[in-house]
Amino acid sequence: MAKNTSCGVQLRIRGKVQGVGFRPFVWQLAQQLNLHGDVCNDGDGVEVRLLE
C-alpha cells in the first residue's frame, strides 16, 4: 500500500515585512507553485509555513 506523504517548510522572515505587501506576495507565489500553508505576523517579522 502506498503512503501519502507531504513535504513542508517553516520559515521566519525578519526585518521590514509589514506594510510592504509581503503576505500578498507570498500568497501569490504559493498559488503559482500549488503550495498550501499559512503566514503569521508577530513582533519580529513573519512566520511562513508551507506544505506542498
Protein backbone atom coordinates (compact mmCIF):
# COMPACT_ATOMS: atom_id res chain seq x y z
CA MET A 1 0.00 0.00 0.00
CA ALA A 2 1.38 3.42 -0.95
CA LYS A 3 1.62 6.05 1.75
CA ASN A 4 0.64 9.66 1.15
CA THR A 5 3.46 11.92 2.22
CA SER A 6 3.77 15.67 2.13
CA CYS A 7 6.76 17.92 2.32
CA GLY A 8 6.77 21.17 4.23
CA VAL A 9 8.92 24.04 5.36
CA GLN A 10 8.68 26.64 8.10
CA LEU A 11 10.44 29.97 7.57
CA ARG A 12 10.93 33.03 9.76
CA ILE A 13 11.49 36.26 7.86
CA ARG A 14 12.75 39.19 9.91
CA GLY A 15 13.04 42.83 9.04
CA LYS A 16 10.64 45.21 7.31
CA VAL A 17 7.93 42.82 6.14
CA GLN A 18 4.81 44.56 7.42
CA GLY A 19 3.18 47.27 5.34
CA VAL A 20 5.13 46.40 2.18
CA GLY A 21 2.85 43.75 0.62
CA PHE A 22 4.88 40.76 1.75
CA ARG A 23 1.95 38.48 2.68
CA PRO A 24 0.11 39.07 -0.62
CA PHE A 25 3.38 38.34 -2.45
CA VAL A 26 3.81 35.05 -0.54
CA TRP A 27 0.16 34.12 -1.21
CA GLN A 28 0.52 34.77 -4.96
CA LEU A 29 3.76 32.78 -5.15
CA ALA A 30 2.22 29.88 -3.22
CA GLN A 31 -0.76 29.85 -5.61
CA GLN A 32 1.56 29.73 -8.63
CA LEU A 33 3.53 26.82 -7.10
CA ASN A 34 0.41 25.00 -5.84
CA LEU A 35 1.56 25.25 -2.21
CA HIS A 36 -0.65 25.46 0.87
CA GLY A 37 0.02 26.81 4.34
CA ASP A 38 -0.24 29.97 6.38
CA VAL A 39 1.52 33.23 7.17
CA CYS A 40 1.54 34.81 10.64
CA ASN A 41 2.81 38.24 11.70
CA ASP A 42 4.49 38.74 15.04
CA GLY A 43 6.68 41.41 16.63
CA ASP A 44 9.86 40.09 14.97
CA GLY A 45 8.60 39.64 11.43
CA VAL A 46 6.64 36.93 9.66
CA GLU A 47 6.46 33.16 10.02
CA VAL A 48 5.59 31.24 6.84
CA ARG A 49 4.54 27.57 6.94
CA LEU A 50 4.13 25.87 3.57
CA LEU A 51 3.07 22.39 2.53
CA GLU A 52 3.48 21.02 -0.96
